[in-house]
């Protein structure tokens, strides 16, 4: 009985250390920012850890090897997400504009299976008194609602401080964003050319409420 108990204690400590190492290698993320794949991996690793601890007679490698395989899968998908925007959108999802210029997009809400109870709850959690006070509300891939309220001195204008629209991400033009701000691909290419750049050379490009354009160049030396 003492030997059995010792095995359980050893397996618990060993499994704990293995999981810590795996999670460290998987990268840092807040719980609310976990992708669907991350959550699946975490659940499966948890189940394997329980198996390793509760079955002291089994070979511990039967639990450790699948954990390592899951870590490799997660690392690969994280790398693929950085390299391929379509892959990232499929695995991690994309942000959705729920309220734009004070108008609710019911079609987008239905598409995201997001109802008015969800909307009102997240507005209350943000301390927003009324939908009338909202200029933009963006449902992030994590499920969090980012809210940009109208300024106190101009409830009718587009005055959401800090709100920016991504126009280029990883060298790819964001056509949905251009459509929302009534800009064209040719206009964007021309703006990039003014800075002696091509779209492919741009890591990130955005425009804010004051039409100020921000551009970050790929692999730019500090």
C-alpha atoms as a PDB file:
ATOM      1  CA  UNK A   1       0.000   0.000   0.000  1.00  0.00           C
ATOM      2  CA  UNK A   2       2.860   2.371   0.818  1.00  0.00           C
ATOM      3  CA  UNK A   3       4.516   1.581  -2.530  1.00  0.00           C
ATOM      4  CA  UNK A   4       1.224   2.258  -4.330  1.00  0.00           C
ATOM      5  CA  UNK A   5       0.838   5.586  -2.527  1.00  0.00           C
ATOM      6  CA  UNK A   6       4.403   6.521  -3.354  1.00  0.00           C
ATOM      7  CA  UNK A   7       3.755   5.832  -7.046  1.00  0.00           C
ATOM      8  CA  UNK A   8       0.695   8.072  -7.006  1.00  0.00           C
ATOM      9  CA  UNK A   9       2.619  10.913  -5.337  1.00  0.00           C
ATOM     10  CA  UNK A  10       5.515  10.538  -7.769  1.00  0.00           C
ATOM     11  CA  UNK A  11       3.204  10.440 -10.800  1.00  0.00           C
ATOM     12  CA  UNK A  12       1.285  13.473  -9.537  1.00  0.00           C
ATOM     13  CA  UNK A  13       4.440  15.576  -9.122  1.00  0.00           C
ATOM     14  CA  UNK A  14       5.979  14.318 -12.370  1.00  0.00           C
ATOM     15  CA  UNK A  15       2.783  14.906 -14.363  1.00  0.00           C
ATOM     16  CA  UNK A  16       2.430  18.379 -12.846  1.00  0.00           C
ATOM     17  CA  UNK A  17       5.960  19.310 -13.943  1.00  0.00           C
ATOM     18  CA  UNK A  18       5.373  17.912 -17.439  1.00  0.00           C
ATOM     19  CA  UNK A  19       2.150  19.925 -17.839  1.00  0.00           C
ATOM     20  CA  UNK A  20       3.867  23.118 -16.623  1.00  0.00           C
ATOM     21  CA  UNK A  21       6.638  22.615 -19.201  1.00  0.00           C
ATOM     22  CA  UNK A  22       4.110  21.901 -21.978  1.00  0.00           C
ATOM     23  CA  UNK A  23       2.013  24.980 -21.160  1.00  0.00           C
ATOM     24  CA  UNK A  24       5.133  27.153 -21.037  1.00  0.00           C
ATOM     25  CA  UNK A  25       6.156  25.894 -24.464  1.00  0.00           C
ATOM     26  CA  UNK A  26       2.675  26.562 -25.816  1.00  0.00           C
ATOM     27  CA  UNK A  27       3.092  30.287 -25.140  1.00  0.00           C
ATOM     28  CA  UNK A  28       1.489  32.931 -22.931  1.00  0.00           C
ATOM     29  CA  UNK A  29      -2.182  33.737 -23.282  1.00  0.00           C
ATOM     30  CA  UNK A  30      -4.905  34.964 -21.002  1.00  0.00           C
ATOM     31  CA  UNK A  31      -7.748  32.527 -20.325  1.00  0.00           C
ATOM     32  CA  UNK A  32     -10.206  34.764 -22.176  1.00  0.00           C
ATOM     33  CA  UNK A  33      -7.970  34.795 -25.257  1.00  0.00           C
ATOM     34  CA  UNK A  34      -7.694  31.033 -25.669  1.00  0.00           C
ATOM     35  CA  UNK A  35      -8.672  29.726 -29.095  1.00  0.00           C
ATOM     36  CA  UNK A  36     -10.963  26.747 -29.571  1.00  0.00           C
ATOM     37  CA  UNK A  37      -7.935  24.565 -30.316  1.00  0.00           C
ATOM     38  CA  UNK A  38      -6.174  25.705 -27.123  1.00  0.00           C
ATOM     39  CA  UNK A  39      -9.212  24.787 -25.038  1.00  0.00           C
ATOM     40  CA  UNK A  40      -9.470  21.344 -26.667  1.00  0.00           C
ATOM     41  CA  UNK A  41      -5.751  20.723 -26.061  1.00  0.00           C
ATOM     42  CA  UNK A  42      -6.015  21.807 -22.412  1.00  0.00           C
ATOM     43  CA  UNK A  43      -9.009  19.531 -21.783  1.00  0.00           C
ATOM     44  CA  UNK A  44      -7.314  16.538 -23.418  1.00  0.00           C
ATOM     45  CA  UNK A  45      -4.080  17.093 -21.497  1.00  0.00           C
ATOM     46  CA  UNK A  46      -6.098  17.297 -18.277  1.00  0.00           C
ATOM     47  CA  UNK A  47      -7.774  13.969 -19.064  1.00  0.00           C
ATOM     48  CA  UNK A  48      -4.405  12.359 -19.796  1.00  0.00           C
ATOM     49  CA  UNK A  49      -3.010  13.696 -16.533  1.00  0.00           C
ATOM     50  CA  UNK A  50      -5.897  12.126 -14.615  1.00  0.00           C
ATOM     51  CA  UNK A  51      -5.236   8.803 -16.372  1.00  0.00           C
ATOM     52  CA  UNK A  52      -1.513   8.951 -15.478  1.00  0.00           C
ATOM     53  CA  UNK A  53      -2.288   9.596 -11.796  1.00  0.00           C
ATOM     54  CA  UNK A  54      -5.233   7.229 -11.298  1.00  0.00           C
ATOM     55  CA  UNK A  55      -3.629   4.273 -13.070  1.00  0.00           C
ATOM     56  CA  UNK A  56      -0.349   3.733 -11.195  1.00  0.00           C
ATOM     57  CA  UNK A  57       0.106   0.286 -12.755  1.00  0.00           C
ATOM     58  CA  UNK A  58       0.070   1.641 -16.303  1.00  0.00           C
ATOM     59  CA  UNK A  59       3.163   2.854 -18.114  1.00  0.00           C
ATOM     60  CA  UNK A  60       3.405   6.619 -17.539  1.00  0.00           C
ATOM     61  CA  UNK A  61       4.705   7.008 -21.102  1.00  0.00           C
ATOM     62  CA  UNK A  62       1.189   6.130 -22.291  1.00  0.00           C
ATOM     63  CA  UNK A  63       0.063   9.512 -20.945  1.00  0.00           C
ATOM     64  CA  UNK A  64       3.225  11.570 -21.513  1.00  0.00           C
ATOM     65  CA  UNK A  65       3.656  10.709 -25.198  1.00  0.00           C
ATOM     66  CA  UNK A  66       0.100  11.831 -26.190  1.00  0.00           C
ATOM     67  CA  UNK A  67       0.651  15.060 -24.221  1.00  0.00           C
ATOM     68  CA  UNK A  68       3.831  15.713 -26.201  1.00  0.00           C
ATOM     69  CA  UNK A  69       1.988  14.983 -29.467  1.00  0.00           C
ATOM     70  CA  UNK A  70      -0.745  17.482 -28.528  1.00  0.00           C
ATOM     71  CA  UNK A  71       1.910  20.092 -27.753  1.00  0.00           C
ATOM     72  CA  UNK A  72       3.476  19.558 -31.197  1.00  0.00           C
ATOM     73  CA  UNK A  73       0.040  19.911 -32.826  1.00  0.00           C
ATOM     74  CA  UNK A  74      -0.642  23.141 -30.914  1.00  0.00           C
ATOM     75  CA  UNK A  75       2.777  24.573 -31.791  1.00  0.00           C
ATOM     76  CA  UNK A  76       2.277  23.711 -35.454  1.00  0.00           C
ATOM     77  CA  UNK A  77      -1.163  25.316 -35.613  1.00  0.00           C
ATOM     78  CA  UNK A  78       0.184  28.433 -33.850  1.00  0.00           C
ATOM     79  CA  UNK A  79       2.957  28.655 -36.456  1.00  0.00           C
ATOM     80  CA  UNK A  80       0.498  28.071 -39.308  1.00  0.00           C
ATOM     81  CA  UNK A  81      -1.775  30.792 -37.895  1.00  0.00           C
ATOM     82  CA  UNK A  82       1.090  33.285 -38.021  1.00  0.00           C
ATOM     83  CA  UNK A  83       1.900  32.375 -41.627  1.00  0.00           C
ATOM     84  CA  UNK A  84      -1.579  31.980 -43.103  1.00  0.00           C
ATOM     85  CA  UNK A  85      -4.414  34.386 -42.432  1.00  0.00           C
ATOM     86  CA  UNK A  86      -7.107  32.069 -43.804  1.00  0.00           C
ATOM     87  CA  UNK A  87      -5.913  29.252 -41.550  1.00  0.00           C
ATOM     88  CA  UNK A  88      -5.914  31.637 -38.565  1.00  0.00           C
ATOM     89  CA  UNK A  89      -9.434  32.810 -39.351  1.00  0.00           C
ATOM     90  CA  UNK A  90     -10.723  29.249 -39.593  1.00  0.00           C
ATOM     91  CA  UNK A  91      -9.095  28.026 -36.369  1.00  0.00           C
ATOM     92  CA  UNK A  92      -9.297  31.120 -34.185  1.00  0.00           C
ATOM     93  CA  UNK A  93     -12.190  33.022 -35.739  1.00  0.00           C
ATOM     94  CA  UNK A  94     -12.394  36.695 -36.683  1.00  0.00           C
ATOM     95  CA  UNK A  95     -13.717  39.730 -34.841  1.00  0.00           C
ATOM     96  CA  UNK A  96     -17.226  40.802 -35.849  1.00  0.00           C
ATOM     97  CA  UNK A  97     -18.632  44.321 -35.780  1.00  0.00           C
ATOM     98  CA  UNK A  98     -21.923  44.128 -33.878  1.00  0.00           C
ATOM     99  CA  UNK A  99     -22.559  47.889 -33.668  1.00  0.00           C
ATOM    100  CA  UNK A 100     -21.184  50.246 -36.301  1.00  0.00           C
ATOM    101  CA  UNK A 101     -21.691  54.006 -36.126  1.00  0.00           C
ATOM    102  CA  UNK A 102     -24.417  53.464 -33.553  1.00  0.00           C
ATOM    103  CA  UNK A 103     -26.367  50.954 -35.694  1.00  0.00           C
ATOM    104  CA  UNK A 104     -26.840  47.322 -34.642  1.00  0.00           C
ATOM    105  CA  UNK A 105     -26.003  44.712 -37.279  1.00  0.00           C
ATOM    106  CA  UNK A 106     -28.663  42.050 -36.644  1.00  0.00           C
ATOM    107  CA  UNK A 107     -27.408  39.918 -39.542  1.00  0.00           C
ATOM    108  CA  UNK A 108     -23.954  39.669 -37.994  1.00  0.00           C
ATOM    109  CA  UNK A 109     -25.496  38.873 -34.609  1.00  0.00           C
ATOM    110  CA  UNK A 110     -27.478  35.978 -36.101  1.00  0.00           C
ATOM    111  CA  UNK A 111     -24.391  34.771 -37.943  1.00  0.00           C
ATOM    112  CA  UNK A 112     -22.425  34.663 -34.671  1.00  0.00           C
ATOM    113  CA  UNK A 113     -25.403  33.188 -32.737  1.00  0.00           C
ATOM    114  CA  UNK A 114     -25.236  36.252 -30.525  1.00  0.00           C
ATOM    115  CA  UNK A 115     -28.513  37.537 -29.082  1.00  0.00           C
ATOM    116  CA  UNK A 116     -29.663  40.794 -27.519  1.00  0.00           C
ATOM    117  CA  UNK A 117     -29.476  39.342 -24.012  1.00  0.00           C
ATOM    118  CA  UNK A 118     -25.762  38.665 -24.594  1.00  0.00           C
ATOM    119  CA  UNK A 119     -25.310  42.172 -25.968  1.00  0.00           C
ATOM    120  CA  UNK A 120     -27.085  43.891 -23.093  1.00  0.00           C
ATOM    121  CA  UNK A 121     -25.226  41.812 -20.496  1.00  0.00           C
ATOM    122  CA  UNK A 122     -21.823  42.722 -21.910  1.00  0.00           C
ATOM    123  CA  UNK A 123     -22.808  46.372 -22.201  1.00  0.00           C
ATOM    124  CA  UNK A 124     -23.794  46.364 -18.508  1.00  0.00           C
ATOM    125  CA  UNK A 125     -20.543  44.647 -17.558  1.00  0.00           C
ATOM    126  CA  UNK A 126     -18.697  47.426 -19.394  1.00  0.00           C
ATOM    127  CA  UNK A 127     -20.677  50.070 -17.501  1.00  0.00           C
ATOM    128  CA  UNK A 128     -22.440  51.297 -20.654  1.00  0.00           C
ATOM    129  CA  UNK A 129     -25.891  52.614 -19.841  1.00  0.00           C
ATOM    130  CA  UNK A 130     -27.507  52.459 -23.273  1.00  0.00           C
ATOM    131  CA  UNK A 131     -26.918  51.200 -26.811  1.00  0.00           C
ATOM    132  CA  UNK A 132     -27.447  54.833 -27.826  1.00  0.00           C
ATOM    133  CA  UNK A 133     -24.104  55.637 -26.168  1.00  0.00           C
ATOM    134  CA  UNK A 134     -22.211  53.098 -28.294  1.00  0.00           C
ATOM    135  CA  UNK A 135     -20.418  54.100 -31.481  1.00  0.00           C
ATOM    136  CA  UNK A 136     -18.744  50.744 -32.185  1.00  0.00           C
ATOM    137  CA  UNK A 137     -18.984  47.324 -30.543  1.00  0.00           C
ATOM    138  CA  UNK A 138     -16.757  44.521 -31.762  1.00  0.00           C
ATOM    139  CA  UNK A 139     -17.220  40.876 -30.799  1.00  0.00           C
ATOM    140  CA  UNK A 140     -13.684  39.510 -30.542  1.00  0.00           C
ATOM    141  CA  UNK A 141     -12.725  35.954 -31.484  1.00  0.00           C
ATOM    142  CA  UNK A 142     -12.410  35.205 -27.750  1.00  0.00           C
ATOM    143  CA  UNK A 143     -16.086  36.140 -27.185  1.00  0.00           C
ATOM    144  CA  UNK A 144     -15.254  39.422 -25.448  1.00  0.00           C
ATOM    145  CA  UNK A 145     -17.158  42.506 -26.595  1.00  0.00           C
ATOM    146  CA  UNK A 146     -14.928  45.545 -27.172  1.00  0.00           C
ATOM    147  CA  UNK A 147     -17.017  48.691 -26.772  1.00  0.00           C
ATOM    148  CA  UNK A 148     -16.213  52.198 -27.992  1.00  0.00           C
ATOM    149  CA  UNK A 149     -18.591  54.830 -26.689  1.00  0.00           C
ATOM    150  CA  UNK A 150     -19.484  58.155 -28.270  1.00  0.00           C
ATOM    151  CA  UNK A 151     -17.805  61.195 -26.777  1.00  0.00           C
ATOM    152  CA  UNK A 152     -19.788  63.308 -24.326  1.00  0.00           C
ATOM    153  CA  UNK A 153     -19.655  66.409 -26.520  1.00  0.00           C
ATOM    154  CA  UNK A 154     -20.760  64.697 -29.716  1.00  0.00           C
ATOM    155  CA  UNK A 155     -23.132  61.761 -29.379  1.00  0.00           C
ATOM    156  CA  UNK A 156     -23.882  61.785 -33.096  1.00  0.00           C
ATOM    157  CA  UNK A 157     -20.410  61.820 -34.624  1.00  0.00           C
ATOM    158  CA  UNK A 158     -17.868  59.078 -35.146  1.00  0.00           C
ATOM    159  CA  UNK A 159     -15.768  59.909 -32.155  1.00  0.00           C
ATOM    160  CA  UNK A 160     -14.751  56.627 -30.592  1.00  0.00           C
ATOM    161  CA  UNK A 161     -11.387  57.356 -29.113  1.00  0.00           C
ATOM    162  CA  UNK A 162      -8.869  54.619 -29.708  1.00  0.00           C
ATOM    163  CA  UNK A 163     -10.956  52.856 -32.368  1.00  0.00           C
ATOM    164  CA  UNK A 164      -8.852  51.748 -35.311  1.00  0.00           C
ATOM    165  CA  UNK A 165      -9.670  49.747 -38.434  1.00  0.00           C
ATOM    166  CA  UNK A 166      -7.080  47.220 -39.659  1.00  0.00           C
ATOM    167  CA  UNK A 167      -6.621  47.569 -43.422  1.00  0.00           C
ATOM    168  CA  UNK A 168      -3.587  45.313 -43.966  1.00  0.00           C
ATOM    169  CA  UNK A 169      -2.628  42.325 -41.816  1.00  0.00           C
ATOM    170  CA  UNK A 170       0.433  40.191 -42.618  1.00  0.00           C
ATOM    171  CA  UNK A 171       0.681  41.695 -46.087  1.00  0.00           C
ATOM    172  CA  UNK A 172      -2.970  40.914 -46.911  1.00  0.00           C
ATOM    173  CA  UNK A 173      -5.592  43.570 -47.659  1.00  0.00           C
ATOM    174  CA  UNK A 174      -8.646  43.411 -45.371  1.00  0.00           C
ATOM    175  CA  UNK A 175     -11.432  44.021 -47.879  1.00  0.00           C
ATOM    176  CA  UNK A 176     -14.205  43.792 -45.254  1.00  0.00           C
ATOM    177  CA  UNK A 177     -12.585  46.623 -43.305  1.00  0.00           C
ATOM    178  CA  UNK A 178     -12.205  48.788 -46.414  1.00  0.00           C
ATOM    179  CA  UNK A 179     -15.876  48.303 -47.206  1.00  0.00           C
ATOM    180  CA  UNK A 180     -16.886  49.396 -43.696  1.00  0.00           C
ATOM    181  CA  UNK A 181     -14.947  52.687 -44.008  1.00  0.00           C
ATOM    182  CA  UNK A 182     -15.973  53.294 -47.645  1.00  0.00           C
ATOM    183  CA  UNK A 183     -12.431  53.065 -48.992  1.00  0.00           C
ATOM    184  CA  UNK A 184     -11.128  51.170 -52.023  1.00  0.00           C
ATOM    185  CA  UNK A 185      -8.219  48.852 -52.684  1.00  0.00           C
ATOM    186  CA  UNK A 186      -6.727  51.381 -55.131  1.00  0.00           C
ATOM    187  CA  UNK A 187      -6.847  54.105 -52.481  1.00  0.00           C
ATOM    188  CA  UNK A 188      -5.065  51.883 -49.981  1.00  0.00           C
ATOM    189  CA  UNK A 189      -2.378  50.835 -52.472  1.00  0.00           C
ATOM    190  CA  UNK A 190      -1.785  54.485 -53.307  1.00  0.00           C
ATOM    191  CA  UNK A 191      -1.407  55.388 -49.621  1.00  0.00           C
ATOM    192  CA  UNK A 192       1.125  52.595 -49.193  1.00  0.00           C
ATOM    193  CA  UNK A 193       3.021  53.700 -52.320  1.00  0.00           C
ATOM    194  CA  UNK A 194       3.347  57.217 -50.883  1.00  0.00           C
ATOM    195  CA  UNK A 195       5.572  55.632 -48.240  1.00  0.00           C
ATOM    196  CA  UNK A 196       7.659  53.809 -50.867  1.00  0.00           C
ATOM    197  CA  UNK A 197       6.217  50.452 -49.861  1.00  0.00           C
ATOM    198  CA  UNK A 198       4.198  47.619 -51.353  1.00  0.00           C
ATOM    199  CA  UNK A 199       1.280  45.897 -49.629  1.00  0.00           C
ATOM    200  CA  UNK A 200       3.374  42.726 -49.277  1.00  0.00           C
ATOM    201  CA  UNK A 201       6.015  44.642 -47.289  1.00  0.00           C
ATOM    202  CA  UNK A 202       3.475  45.815 -44.703  1.00  0.00           C
ATOM    203  CA  UNK A 203       3.027  43.804 -41.519  1.00  0.00           C
ATOM    204  CA  UNK A 204       0.116  45.888 -40.200  1.00  0.00           C
ATOM    205  CA  UNK A 205      -1.704  48.965 -41.435  1.00  0.00           C
ATOM    206  CA  UNK A 206      -4.653  50.676 -39.754  1.00  0.00           C
ATOM    207  CA  UNK A 207      -6.606  53.918 -39.845  1.00  0.00           C
ATOM    208  CA  UNK A 208      -8.130  55.692 -36.837  1.00  0.00           C
ATOM    209  CA  UNK A 209     -11.100  58.000 -36.358  1.00  0.00           C
ATOM    210  CA  UNK A 210      -9.013  61.015 -37.408  1.00  0.00           C
ATOM    211  CA  UNK A 211      -7.945  59.318 -40.680  1.00  0.00           C
ATOM    212  CA  UNK A 212      -4.433  58.893 -39.336  1.00  0.00           C
ATOM    213  CA  UNK A 213      -2.761  55.908 -40.998  1.00  0.00           C
ATOM    214  CA  UNK A 214      -0.376  53.688 -39.066  1.00  0.00           C
ATOM    215  CA  UNK A 215       1.977  51.343 -40.925  1.00  0.00           C
ATOM    216  CA  UNK A 216       4.332  48.731 -39.514  1.00  0.00           C
ATOM    217  CA  UNK A 217       6.863  47.213 -41.919  1.00  0.00           C
ATOM    218  CA  UNK A 218       7.612  43.493 -41.927  1.00  0.00           C
ATOM    219  CA  UNK A 219      10.875  42.497 -40.221  1.00  0.00           C
ATOM    220  CA  UNK A 220      11.784  46.145 -39.650  1.00  0.00           C
ATOM    221  CA  UNK A 221      15.013  46.570 -37.722  1.00  0.00           C
ATOM    222  CA  UNK A 222      14.715  48.487 -34.460  1.00  0.00           C
END
